[in-house]
C-alpha atoms as a PDB file:
ATOM      1  CA  MET A   1       0.000   0.000   0.000  1.00  0.00           C
ATOM      2  CA  GLU A   2       1.372   3.382  -1.054  1.00  0.00           C
ATOM      3  CA  SER A   3       0.086   6.553   0.609  1.00  0.00           C
ATOM      4  CA  PHE A   4       0.209  10.216  -0.450  1.00  0.00           C
ATOM      5  CA  VAL A   5      -0.757  13.457   1.287  1.00  0.00           C
ATOM      6  CA  LEU A   6      -1.802  16.436  -0.849  1.00  0.00           C
ATOM      7  CA  THR A   7      -3.085  19.916  -0.076  1.00  0.00           C
ATOM      8  CA  ALA A   8      -5.769  21.546  -2.211  1.00  0.00           C
ATOM      9  CA  SER A   9      -4.619  24.820  -3.755  1.00  0.00           C
ATOM     10  CA  HIS A  10      -6.675  27.915  -4.504  1.00  0.00           C
ATOM     11  CA  GLU A  11      -7.062  26.681  -8.121  1.00  0.00           C
ATOM     12  CA  SER A  12      -8.693  23.467  -6.840  1.00  0.00           C
ATOM     13  CA  ASN A  13     -11.351  25.238  -4.766  1.00  0.00           C
ATOM     14  CA  LYS A  14     -14.823  23.739  -5.479  1.00  0.00           C
ATOM     15  CA  GLU A  15     -13.340  21.044  -7.717  1.00  0.00           C
ATOM     16  CA  ARG A  16     -14.735  17.524  -7.301  1.00  0.00           C
ATOM     17  CA  ILE A  17     -12.386  15.195  -5.471  1.00  0.00           C
ATOM     18  CA  ASP A  18     -12.553  12.472  -8.137  1.00  0.00           C
ATOM     19  CA  LYS A  19     -11.602  14.945 -10.867  1.00  0.00           C
ATOM     20  CA  PHE A  20      -8.792  16.364  -8.740  1.00  0.00           C
ATOM     21  CA  LEU A  21      -7.314  12.923  -8.017  1.00  0.00           C
ATOM     22  CA  SER A  22      -7.611  11.756 -11.646  1.00  0.00           C
ATOM     23  CA  GLU A  23      -5.488  14.750 -12.649  1.00  0.00           C
ATOM     24  CA  GLU A  24      -2.955  14.213  -9.870  1.00  0.00           C
ATOM     25  CA  PHE A  25      -2.753  10.471 -10.560  1.00  0.00           C
ATOM     26  CA  PRO A  26      -3.305  10.099 -14.325  1.00  0.00           C
ATOM     27  CA  GLU A  27      -2.571   6.369 -14.139  1.00  0.00           C
ATOM     28  CA  LEU A  28      -5.782   5.892 -12.115  1.00  0.00           C
ATOM     29  CA  SER A  29      -9.187   5.926 -13.812  1.00  0.00           C
ATOM     30  CA  ARG A  30     -12.115   7.870 -12.330  1.00  0.00           C
ATOM     31  CA  SER A  31     -13.993   4.613 -11.596  1.00  0.00           C
ATOM     32  CA  TYR A  32     -10.975   3.214  -9.738  1.00  0.00           C
ATOM     33  CA  ILE A  33     -10.797   6.393  -7.628  1.00  0.00           C
ATOM     34  CA  HIS A  34     -14.503   5.951  -6.792  1.00  0.00           C
ATOM     35  CA  LYS A  35     -13.688   2.462  -5.475  1.00  0.00           C
ATOM     36  CA  LEU A  36     -10.897   3.867  -3.309  1.00  0.00           C
ATOM     37  CA  ILE A  37     -13.349   6.415  -1.866  1.00  0.00           C
ATOM     38  CA  GLU A  38     -15.908   3.679  -1.167  1.00  0.00           C
ATOM     39  CA  LYS A  39     -13.225   1.648   0.641  1.00  0.00           C
ATOM     40  CA  LYS A  40     -12.409   4.705   2.796  1.00  0.00           C
ATOM     41  CA  LEU A  41      -8.935   4.948   1.302  1.00  0.00           C
ATOM     42  CA  VAL A  42      -9.422   8.632   0.507  1.00  0.00           C
ATOM     43  CA  LEU A  43      -9.774  10.982   3.486  1.00  0.00           C
ATOM     44  CA  ILE A  44     -10.211  14.754   3.592  1.00  0.00           C
ATOM     45  CA  ASN A  45      -8.976  16.368   6.788  1.00  0.00           C
ATOM     46  CA  LYS A  46      -9.003  12.864   8.342  1.00  0.00           C
ATOM     47  CA  ASN A  47     -12.700  12.426   7.476  1.00  0.00           C
ATOM     48  CA  GLU A  48     -14.473   9.993   5.162  1.00  0.00           C
ATOM     49  CA  ILE A  49     -16.080  11.557   2.076  1.00  0.00           C
ATOM     50  CA  SER A  50     -18.299  10.773  -0.902  1.00  0.00           C
ATOM     51  CA  LYS A  51     -17.177  10.807  -4.524  1.00  0.00           C
ATOM     52  CA  ASN A  52     -19.174  14.045  -4.987  1.00  0.00           C
ATOM     53  CA  TYR A  53     -17.159  15.946  -2.404  1.00  0.00           C
ATOM     54  CA  LYS A  54     -16.001  19.368  -3.581  1.00  0.00           C
ATOM     55  CA  LEU A  55     -12.659  20.586  -2.329  1.00  0.00           C
ATOM     56  CA  ASN A  56     -11.994  23.691  -0.309  1.00  0.00           C
ATOM     57  CA  GLU A  57      -8.720  25.536  -0.421  1.00  0.00           C
ATOM     58  CA  ASN A  58      -6.161  24.007   2.009  1.00  0.00           C
ATOM     59  CA  ASP A  59      -8.071  20.741   2.378  1.00  0.00           C
ATOM     60  CA  VAL A  60      -5.613  17.967   3.291  1.00  0.00           C
ATOM     61  CA  ILE A  61      -6.194  14.926   1.082  1.00  0.00           C
ATOM     62  CA  GLU A  62      -4.860  11.519   2.109  1.00  0.00           C
ATOM     63  CA  ILE A  63      -5.007   8.769  -0.502  1.00  0.00           C
ATOM     64  CA  SER A  64      -3.851   5.189  -0.034  1.00  0.00           C
ATOM     65  CA  ILE A  65      -3.327   3.136  -3.187  1.00  0.00           C
ATOM     66  CA  PRO A  66      -3.278  -0.649  -2.674  1.00  0.00           C
ATOM     67  CA  ASP A  67      -0.562  -2.710  -4.288  1.00  0.00           C
ATOM     68  CA  PRO A  68      -1.818  -3.918  -7.683  1.00  0.00           C
ATOM     69  CA  GLU A  69      -3.479  -7.297  -7.649  1.00  0.00           C
ATOM     70  CA  PRO A  70      -2.308  -9.783 -10.287  1.00  0.00           C
ATOM     71  CA  TYR A  71      -4.823 -10.109 -13.076  1.00  0.00           C
ATOM     72  CA  GLU A  72      -5.004 -11.399 -16.593  1.00  0.00           C
ATOM     73  CA  VAL A  73      -5.010  -8.963 -19.491  1.00  0.00           C
ATOM     74  CA  ALA A  74      -7.558 -10.280 -21.964  1.00  0.00           C
ATOM     75  CA  PRO A  75      -6.913 -10.479 -25.723  1.00  0.00           C
ATOM     76  CA  GLU A  76      -9.332  -8.278 -27.681  1.00  0.00           C
ATOM     77  CA  ASN A  77     -10.122  -8.292 -31.389  1.00  0.00           C
ATOM     78  CA  ILE A  78      -9.181  -4.668 -32.019  1.00  0.00           C
ATOM     79  CA  PRO A  79      -7.998  -3.815 -35.568  1.00  0.00           C
ATOM     80  CA  LEU A  80      -4.301  -2.921 -35.849  1.00  0.00           C
ATOM     81  CA  ASP A  81      -2.565  -0.918 -38.568  1.00  0.00           C
ATOM     82  CA  ILE A  82       0.539  -3.119 -38.937  1.00  0.00           C
ATOM     83  CA  ILE A  83       3.264  -1.558 -41.091  1.00  0.00           C
ATOM     84  CA  TYR A  84       5.725  -4.464 -40.837  1.00  0.00           C
ATOM     85  CA  GLU A  85       5.866  -7.860 -39.142  1.00  0.00           C
ATOM     86  CA  ASP A  86       8.216 -10.860 -38.937  1.00  0.00           C
ATOM     87  CA  ASP A  87       9.098 -13.530 -36.359  1.00  0.00           C
ATOM     88  CA  ASP A  88      11.032 -11.067 -34.181  1.00  0.00           C
ATOM     89  CA  LEU A  89       8.991  -7.882 -34.151  1.00  0.00           C
ATOM     90  CA  LEU A  90       6.164  -5.863 -35.599  1.00  0.00           C
ATOM     91  CA  ILE A  91       5.683  -2.158 -36.263  1.00  0.00           C
ATOM     92  CA  VAL A  92       2.261  -0.715 -35.459  1.00  0.00           C
ATOM     93  CA  ASN A  93       0.867   2.653 -36.576  1.00  0.00           C
ATOM     94  CA  LYS A  94      -0.989   3.576 -33.375  1.00  0.00           C
ATOM     95  CA  PRO A  95      -4.047   5.800 -33.764  1.00  0.00           C
ATOM     96  CA  LYS A  96      -4.872   8.769 -31.588  1.00  0.00           C
ATOM     97  CA  ASP A  97      -6.865   8.054 -28.413  1.00  0.00           C
ATOM     98  CA  MET A  98      -5.442   4.551 -27.878  1.00  0.00           C
ATOM     99  CA  VAL A  99      -3.636   3.777 -24.626  1.00  0.00           C
ATOM    100  CA  VAL A 100      -0.543   1.597 -25.105  1.00  0.00           C
ATOM    101  CA  HIS A 101      -0.827  -0.703 -22.082  1.00  0.00           C
ATOM    102  CA  PRO A 102      -3.330  -1.474 -19.281  1.00  0.00           C
ATOM    103  CA  ALA A 103      -3.224   0.268 -15.902  1.00  0.00           C
ATOM    104  CA  PRO A 104      -5.293  -0.173 -12.718  1.00  0.00           C
ATOM    105  CA  GLY A 105      -8.921   0.541 -13.563  1.00  0.00           C
ATOM    106  CA  ASN A 106      -8.192   0.613 -17.307  1.00  0.00           C
ATOM    107  CA  THR A 107      -7.628  -2.951 -18.465  1.00  0.00           C
ATOM    108  CA  SER A 108      -9.298  -3.060 -21.873  1.00  0.00           C
ATOM    109  CA  GLY A 109      -9.202  -1.331 -25.252  1.00  0.00           C
ATOM    110  CA  THR A 110      -5.430  -0.847 -25.138  1.00  0.00           C
ATOM    111  CA  LEU A 111      -2.779  -1.665 -27.709  1.00  0.00           C
ATOM    112  CA  VAL A 112      -1.611  -4.561 -25.525  1.00  0.00           C
ATOM    113  CA  ASN A 113      -5.120  -6.101 -25.559  1.00  0.00           C
ATOM    114  CA  ALA A 114      -5.052  -5.932 -29.366  1.00  0.00           C
ATOM    115  CA  LEU A 115      -1.511  -7.356 -29.557  1.00  0.00           C
ATOM    116  CA  LEU A 116      -2.414 -10.323 -27.360  1.00  0.00           C
ATOM    117  CA  TYR A 117      -5.218 -11.213 -29.774  1.00  0.00           C
ATOM    118  CA  HIS A 118      -3.052 -10.765 -32.879  1.00  0.00           C
ATOM    119  CA  CYS A 119       0.197 -12.358 -31.627  1.00  0.00           C
ATOM    120  CA  LYS A 120      -1.194 -14.949 -29.185  1.00  0.00           C
ATOM    121  CA  ASP A 121       1.820 -16.114 -27.111  1.00  0.00           C
ATOM    122  CA  SER A 122       4.424 -14.536 -29.403  1.00  0.00           C
ATOM    123  CA  LEU A 123       5.319 -11.467 -27.328  1.00  0.00           C
ATOM    124  CA  SER A 124       8.338 -10.807 -25.136  1.00  0.00           C
ATOM    125  CA  GLY A 125       7.731 -11.074 -21.409  1.00  0.00           C
ATOM    126  CA  ILE A 126      10.439  -8.724 -20.175  1.00  0.00           C
ATOM    127  CA  ASN A 127       8.024  -5.986 -19.108  1.00  0.00           C
ATOM    128  CA  GLY A 128       5.604  -8.384 -17.406  1.00  0.00           C
ATOM    129  CA  VAL A 129       1.977  -9.289 -18.020  1.00  0.00           C
ATOM    130  CA  LEU A 130       0.755  -5.697 -18.351  1.00  0.00           C
ATOM    131  CA  ARG A 131       3.275  -4.630 -21.003  1.00  0.00           C
ATOM    132  CA  PRO A 132       4.180  -7.690 -23.084  1.00  0.00           C
ATOM    133  CA  GLY A 133       6.323  -6.796 -26.105  1.00  0.00           C
ATOM    134  CA  ILE A 134       6.341  -3.066 -25.354  1.00  0.00           C
ATOM    135  CA  VAL A 135       9.864  -1.738 -25.996  1.00  0.00           C
ATOM    136  CA  HIS A 136       8.943   1.962 -25.958  1.00  0.00           C
ATOM    137  CA  ARG A 137       5.728   3.951 -25.568  1.00  0.00           C
ATOM    138  CA  ILE A 138       3.971   6.952 -27.037  1.00  0.00           C
ATOM    139  CA  ASP A 139       1.252   8.961 -25.325  1.00  0.00           C
ATOM    140  CA  LYS A 140      -2.450   8.139 -25.687  1.00  0.00           C
ATOM    141  CA  ASP A 141      -3.137  11.180 -27.905  1.00  0.00           C
ATOM    142  CA  THR A 142       0.089  10.900 -29.910  1.00  0.00           C
ATOM    143  CA  SER A 143      -0.306   8.898 -33.119  1.00  0.00           C
ATOM    144  CA  GLY A 144       2.354   7.000 -35.018  1.00  0.00           C
ATOM    145  CA  LEU A 145       4.886   4.202 -35.217  1.00  0.00           C
ATOM    146  CA  LEU A 146       5.606   1.900 -32.312  1.00  0.00           C
ATOM    147  CA  ILE A 147       7.874  -1.162 -32.297  1.00  0.00           C
ATOM    148  CA  VAL A 148       6.804  -4.366 -30.505  1.00  0.00           C
ATOM    149  CA  ALA A 149       9.137  -7.253 -29.666  1.00  0.00           C
ATOM    150  CA  LYS A 150       7.935 -10.822 -30.149  1.00  0.00           C
ATOM    151  CA  ASN A 151      10.611 -12.480 -28.020  1.00  0.00           C
ATOM    152  CA  ASP A 152      12.966 -11.586 -25.191  1.00  0.00           C
ATOM    153  CA  ASN A 153      16.136 -11.603 -27.322  1.00  0.00           C
ATOM    154  CA  SER A 154      14.633  -9.089 -29.751  1.00  0.00           C
ATOM    155  CA  HIS A 155      13.387  -6.971 -26.861  1.00  0.00           C
ATOM    156  CA  LYS A 156      16.846  -6.777 -25.265  1.00  0.00           C
ATOM    157  CA  PHE A 157      18.514  -6.035 -28.605  1.00  0.00           C
ATOM    158  CA  LEU A 158      16.093  -3.205 -29.434  1.00  0.00           C
ATOM    159  CA  ALA A 159      16.078  -1.766 -25.910  1.00  0.00           C
ATOM    160  CA  GLU A 160      19.871  -1.557 -25.976  1.00  0.00           C
ATOM    161  CA  GLN A 161      19.712   0.582 -29.127  1.00  0.00           C
ATOM    162  CA  ILE A 162      17.279   2.946 -27.441  1.00  0.00           C
ATOM    163  CA  LYS A 163      19.565   3.122 -24.399  1.00  0.00           C
ATOM    164  CA  ASN A 164      22.580   3.890 -26.624  1.00  0.00           C
ATOM    165  CA  HIS A 165      20.638   6.558 -28.620  1.00  0.00           C
ATOM    166  CA  SER A 166      21.144   4.679 -31.902  1.00  0.00           C
ATOM    167  CA  PHE A 167      17.402   4.060 -32.379  1.00  0.00           C
ATOM    168  CA  THR A 168      15.914   6.668 -34.749  1.00  0.00           C
ATOM    169  CA  ARG A 169      12.630   8.297 -33.647  1.00  0.00           C
ATOM    170  CA  GLU A 170      11.417  11.141 -35.832  1.00  0.00           C
ATOM    171  CA  TYR A 171       8.216  13.003 -35.039  1.00  0.00           C
ATOM    172  CA  GLN A 172       6.266  15.774 -36.721  1.00  0.00           C
ATOM    173  CA  ALA A 173       4.194  18.357 -34.885  1.00  0.00           C
ATOM    174  CA  ILE A 174       2.298  21.582 -35.335  1.00  0.00           C
ATOM    175  CA  ILE A 175       3.253  24.075 -32.644  1.00  0.00           C
ATOM    176  CA  ILE A 176       1.940  27.447 -31.515  1.00  0.00           C
ATOM    177  CA  GLY A 177       3.875  30.414 -32.936  1.00  0.00           C
ATOM    178  CA  ARG A 178       7.207  30.606 -34.773  1.00  0.00           C
ATOM    179  CA  LEU A 179      10.559  29.475 -33.466  1.00  0.00           C
ATOM    180  CA  LYS A 180      13.465  31.899 -33.277  1.00  0.00           C
ATOM    181  CA  ASP A 181      15.775  29.516 -35.181  1.00  0.00           C
ATOM    182  CA  GLN A 182      14.886  27.280 -38.141  1.00  0.00           C
ATOM    183  CA  LYS A 183      16.707  24.357 -36.555  1.00  0.00           C
ATOM    184  CA  GLY A 184      18.317  23.657 -33.218  1.00  0.00           C
ATOM    185  CA  THR A 185      18.788  21.364 -30.225  1.00  0.00           C
ATOM    186  CA  ILE A 186      17.026  21.536 -26.870  1.00  0.00           C
ATOM    187  CA  GLU A 187      19.034  19.998 -24.013  1.00  0.00           C
ATOM    188  CA  THR A 188      17.636  20.092 -20.471  1.00  0.00           C
ATOM    189  CA  ASN A 189      16.871  17.813 -17.551  1.00  0.00           C
ATOM    190  CA  ILE A 190      13.278  16.579 -17.263  1.00  0.00           C
ATOM    191  CA  GLY A 191      11.678  15.354 -14.055  1.00  0.00           C
ATOM    192  CA  ARG A 192       8.305  15.090 -12.338  1.00  0.00           C
ATOM    193  CA  HIS A 193       6.534  18.416 -11.791  1.00  0.00           C
ATOM    194  CA  LYS A 194       6.779  19.624  -8.187  1.00  0.00           C
ATOM    195  CA  THR A 195       3.063  20.005  -7.556  1.00  0.00           C
ATOM    196  CA  ASN A 196       1.232  18.186 -10.383  1.00  0.00           C
ATOM    197  CA  ARG A 197       1.923  14.466 -10.805  1.00  0.00           C
ATOM    198  CA  LYS A 198       0.221  14.528 -14.198  1.00  0.00           C
ATOM    199  CA  LYS A 199       2.971  16.723 -15.610  1.00  0.00           C
ATOM    200  CA  MET A 200       6.678  16.533 -16.264  1.00  0.00           C
ATOM    201  CA  ALA A 201       8.829  19.662 -16.194  1.00  0.00           C
ATOM    202  CA  VAL A 202      12.245  21.054 -17.039  1.00  0.00           C
ATOM    203  CA  VAL A 203      14.193  20.864 -13.768  1.00  0.00           C
ATOM    204  CA  PRO A 204      17.649  22.095 -12.774  1.00  0.00           C
ATOM    205  CA  PRO A 205      20.512  19.537 -12.675  1.00  0.00           C
ATOM    206  CA  PRO A 206      21.223  17.233 -10.970  1.00  0.00           C
ATOM    207  CA  ASN A 207      17.467  16.657 -10.705  1.00  0.00           C
ATOM    208  CA  GLY A 208      15.613  14.691 -13.374  1.00  0.00           C
ATOM    209  CA  LYS A 209      17.216  13.021 -16.368  1.00  0.00           C
ATOM    210  CA  LYS A 210      19.006  14.500 -19.354  1.00  0.00           C
ATOM    211  CA  ALA A 211      16.674  15.065 -22.322  1.00  0.00           C
ATOM    212  CA  ILE A 212      17.828  16.031 -25.820  1.00  0.00           C
ATOM    213  CA  THR A 213      15.532  16.951 -28.731  1.00  0.00           C
ATOM    214  CA  HIS A 214      16.653  18.120 -32.186  1.00  0.00           C
ATOM    215  CA  TYR A 215      14.140  20.160 -34.206  1.00  0.00           C
ATOM    216  CA  GLU A 216      13.779  21.654 -37.679  1.00  0.00           C
ATOM    217  CA  VAL A 217      11.072  23.927 -39.073  1.00  0.00           C
ATOM    218  CA  LEU A 218       9.340  22.477 -42.153  1.00  0.00           C
ATOM    219  CA  GLU A 219       6.822  25.257 -42.819  1.00  0.00           C
ATOM    220  CA  GLU A 220       5.567  28.402 -41.110  1.00  0.00           C
ATOM    221  CA  PHE A 221       2.048  29.816 -41.042  1.00  0.00           C
ATOM    222  CA  SER A 222       0.331  32.735 -39.357  1.00  0.00           C
ATOM    223  CA  GLY A 223       0.633  31.845 -35.670  1.00  0.00           C
ATOM    224  CA  TYR A 224       1.723  28.239 -36.181  1.00  0.00           C
ATOM    225  CA  SER A 225       4.699  26.158 -37.369  1.00  0.00           C
ATOM    226  CA  HIS A 226       4.998  22.669 -38.813  1.00  0.00           C
ATOM    227  CA  ILE A 227       8.184  21.073 -37.485  1.00  0.00           C
ATOM    228  CA  LYS A 228       9.999  17.756 -37.352  1.00  0.00           C
ATOM    229  CA  LEU A 229      11.763  16.522 -34.241  1.00  0.00           C
ATOM    230  CA  ASN A 230      14.308  13.797 -33.575  1.00  0.00           C
ATOM    231  CA  LEU A 231      14.623  12.303 -30.128  1.00  0.00           C
ATOM    232  CA  GLU A 232      18.108  11.590 -28.855  1.00  0.00           C
ATOM    233  CA  THR A 233      16.623  10.566 -25.511  1.00  0.00           C
ATOM    234  CA  GLY A 234      13.097   9.412 -24.768  1.00  0.00           C
ATOM    235  CA  ARG A 235      11.848  10.923 -21.540  1.00  0.00           C
ATOM    236  CA  THR A 236       8.164  10.970 -20.615  1.00  0.00           C
ATOM    237  CA  HIS A 237       6.361  13.756 -22.550  1.00  0.00           C
ATOM    238  CA  GLN A 238       9.785  14.954 -23.787  1.00  0.00           C
ATOM    239  CA  ILE A 239       8.694  16.761 -26.958  1.00  0.00           C
ATOM    240  CA  ARG A 240       5.666  18.319 -25.283  1.00  0.00           C
ATOM    241  CA  VAL A 241       7.718  19.554 -22.321  1.00  0.00           C
ATOM    242  CA  HIS A 242      10.536  20.881 -24.502  1.00  0.00           C
ATOM    243  CA  MET A 243       8.282  22.806 -26.866  1.00  0.00           C
ATOM    244  CA  ALA A 244       6.356  24.340 -23.953  1.00  0.00           C
ATOM    245  CA  HIS A 245       9.714  25.232 -22.382  1.00  0.00           C
ATOM    246  CA  LEU A 246      10.546  27.228 -25.524  1.00  0.00           C
ATOM    247  CA  GLY A 247       7.196  28.999 -25.286  1.00  0.00           C
ATOM    248  CA  HIS A 248       5.745  27.145 -28.295  1.00  0.00           C
ATOM    249  CA  PRO A 249       3.561  24.284 -26.982  1.00  0.00           C
ATOM    250  CA  VAL A 250       2.269  21.609 -29.319  1.00  0.00           C
ATOM    251  CA  LEU A 251      -1.113  22.536 -30.793  1.00  0.00           C
ATOM    252  CA  GLY A 252      -3.938  20.855 -28.861  1.00  0.00           C
ATOM    253  CA  ASP A 253      -1.794  20.034 -25.812  1.00  0.00           C
ATOM    254  CA  GLU A 254      -3.950  21.147 -22.893  1.00  0.00           C
ATOM    255  CA  VAL A 255      -1.509  19.781 -20.290  1.00  0.00           C
ATOM    256  CA  TYR A 256       1.471  21.907 -21.325  1.00  0.00           C
ATOM    257  CA  GLY A 257      -0.422  24.536 -23.306  1.00  0.00           C
ATOM    258  CA  SER A 258      -3.919  25.978 -23.239  1.00  0.00           C
ATOM    259  CA  ALA A 259      -7.259  24.947 -24.721  1.00  0.00           C
ATOM    260  CA  LYS A 260      -7.669  28.576 -25.824  1.00  0.00           C
ATOM    261  CA  GLN A 261      -4.760  28.098 -28.246  1.00  0.00           C
ATOM    262  CA  ASN A 262      -6.610  25.395 -30.189  1.00  0.00           C
ATOM    263  CA  PRO A 263      -9.189  26.772 -32.661  1.00  0.00           C
ATOM    264  CA  PHE A 264      -9.591  23.356 -34.352  1.00  0.00           C
ATOM    265  CA  LYS A 265     -12.524  21.837 -32.494  1.00  0.00           C
ATOM    266  CA  PHE A 266     -12.063  18.429 -34.146  1.00  0.00           C
ATOM    267  CA  LEU A 267      -8.545  18.124 -32.687  1.00  0.00           C
ATOM    268  CA  LYS A 268      -8.583  16.257 -29.393  1.00  0.00           C
ATOM    269  CA  GLY A 269      -5.177  16.155 -27.741  1.00  0.00           C
ATOM    270  CA  GLN A 270      -1.787  17.172 -29.084  1.00  0.00           C
ATOM    271  CA  CYS A 271      -1.027  17.388 -32.820  1.00  0.00           C
ATOM    272  CA  LEU A 272       1.996  15.094 -32.638  1.00  0.00           C
ATOM    273  CA  HIS A 273       2.828  12.093 -34.831  1.00  0.00           C
ATOM    274  CA  ALA A 274       5.654   9.546 -34.549  1.00  0.00           C
ATOM    275  CA  LYS A 275       6.415   9.474 -38.276  1.00  0.00           C
ATOM    276  CA  LYS A 276       9.650   7.489 -38.669  1.00  0.00           C
ATOM    277  CA  ILE A 277      11.637   4.886 -36.795  1.00  0.00           C
ATOM    278  CA  GLY A 278      14.952   3.283 -37.658  1.00  0.00           C
ATOM    279  CA  PHE A 279      16.929   0.483 -36.008  1.00  0.00           C
ATOM    280  CA  ILE A 280      19.225  -2.503 -36.532  1.00  0.00           C
ATOM    281  CA  HIS A 281      17.172  -5.681 -36.930  1.00  0.00           C
ATOM    282  CA  PRO A 282      17.918  -8.166 -34.114  1.00  0.00           C
ATOM    283  CA  THR A 283      18.330 -11.155 -36.456  1.00  0.00           C
ATOM    284  CA  THR A 284      19.450  -9.835 -39.858  1.00  0.00           C
ATOM    285  CA  LEU A 285      21.608  -7.109 -38.236  1.00  0.00           C
ATOM    286  CA  LYS A 286      20.630  -4.833 -41.120  1.00  0.00           C
ATOM    287  CA  TYR A 287      19.332  -1.301 -40.683  1.00  0.00           C
ATOM    288  CA  MET A 288      15.576  -0.884 -41.104  1.00  0.00           C
ATOM    289  CA  GLY A 289      13.904   2.476 -41.613  1.00  0.00           C
ATOM    290  CA  LEU A 290      10.123   2.799 -41.688  1.00  0.00           C
ATOM    291  CA  ASP A 291       7.978   5.811 -42.514  1.00  0.00           C
ATOM    292  CA  SER A 292       4.264   6.504 -42.068  1.00  0.00           C
ATOM    293  CA  LYS A 293       1.861   8.934 -43.659  1.00  0.00           C
ATOM    294  CA  LEU A 294       0.624  11.854 -41.634  1.00  0.00           C
ATOM    295  CA  PRO A 295      -2.814  10.953 -40.224  1.00  0.00           C
ATOM    296  CA  LYS A 296      -5.962  12.597 -41.554  1.00  0.00           C
ATOM    297  CA  TYR A 297      -6.406  14.930 -38.572  1.00  0.00           C
ATOM    298  CA  PHE A 298      -2.862  16.266 -39.089  1.00  0.00           C
ATOM    299  CA  GLU A 299      -3.293  16.736 -42.849  1.00  0.00           C
ATOM    300  CA  LYS A 300      -6.635  18.484 -42.311  1.00  0.00           C
ATOM    301  CA  ILE A 301      -5.021  21.073 -40.042  1.00  0.00           C
ATOM    302  CA  LEU A 302      -2.181  21.644 -42.524  1.00  0.00           C
ATOM    303  CA  ASP A 303      -4.708  22.175 -45.346  1.00  0.00           C
ATOM    304  CA  ILE A 304      -6.609  24.739 -43.254  1.00  0.00           C
ATOM    305  CA  LEU A 305      -3.423  26.597 -42.323  1.00  0.00           C
ATOM    306  CA  LYS A 306      -2.205  26.678 -45.926  1.00  0.00           C
ATOM    307  CA  LYS A 307      -5.473  28.251 -47.064  1.00  0.00           C
END
């Protein structure tokens, strides 16, 4: 059992407790938080509450999260856009709004559920039952290419390339505003935000972990830029944090930007696509580079901006 103590800020005044906790603990679903409240594992000022409780400034929230219980992740017949597949690995073009792997309270509809149906028992077990085959991740609302390992040897071989920064990961994004330089490198340390567990942040060394992003402007519009980015490291939310750090958050990113900066009502979540990956194949030892088309939502925004 892991316990946390939080204090409600002025910004959280009159906010429902379940909404507040889902933002502070993004890995927990709202329904799971309701169960914790019912089990009296969430206390406000040492008192039991209902899921409808609305916070007051300076409320002291205590939440106890039980250790995860072992459970089976069920295979689900969810269509996959497979770009490449062999006996060692497969490359999936993940759509927007798909979570990569299950988490407490969210055990279905994920990429892993779909992979278990498609691959049966042919997935590496290095990351355990909740993340079979998952070598690296991309955010729920980020679309694009993701590599999946079918056996442990392939997983280790691919993970080592990521660790050594020899694994190519190229993204494209539309950002707010225009960058000062047409190309450049952002090098900072990234760690957990001091007050909001949902967010990462640029932190001063020696805190956090080194994060390096290379960027290049592809096209500029009135108030927006279309850019490509190459990851040298792969920290959580790295591109989104780095662009916000420069003052040019990714369009549609309401965590590191603002909903007011997104005039495209059809865009839900950040306009960010993992377009290319490149790596040495674990068996053939030959370099493989794969590319994907920009998704329809991304192309639609570009067409509007060009007009």
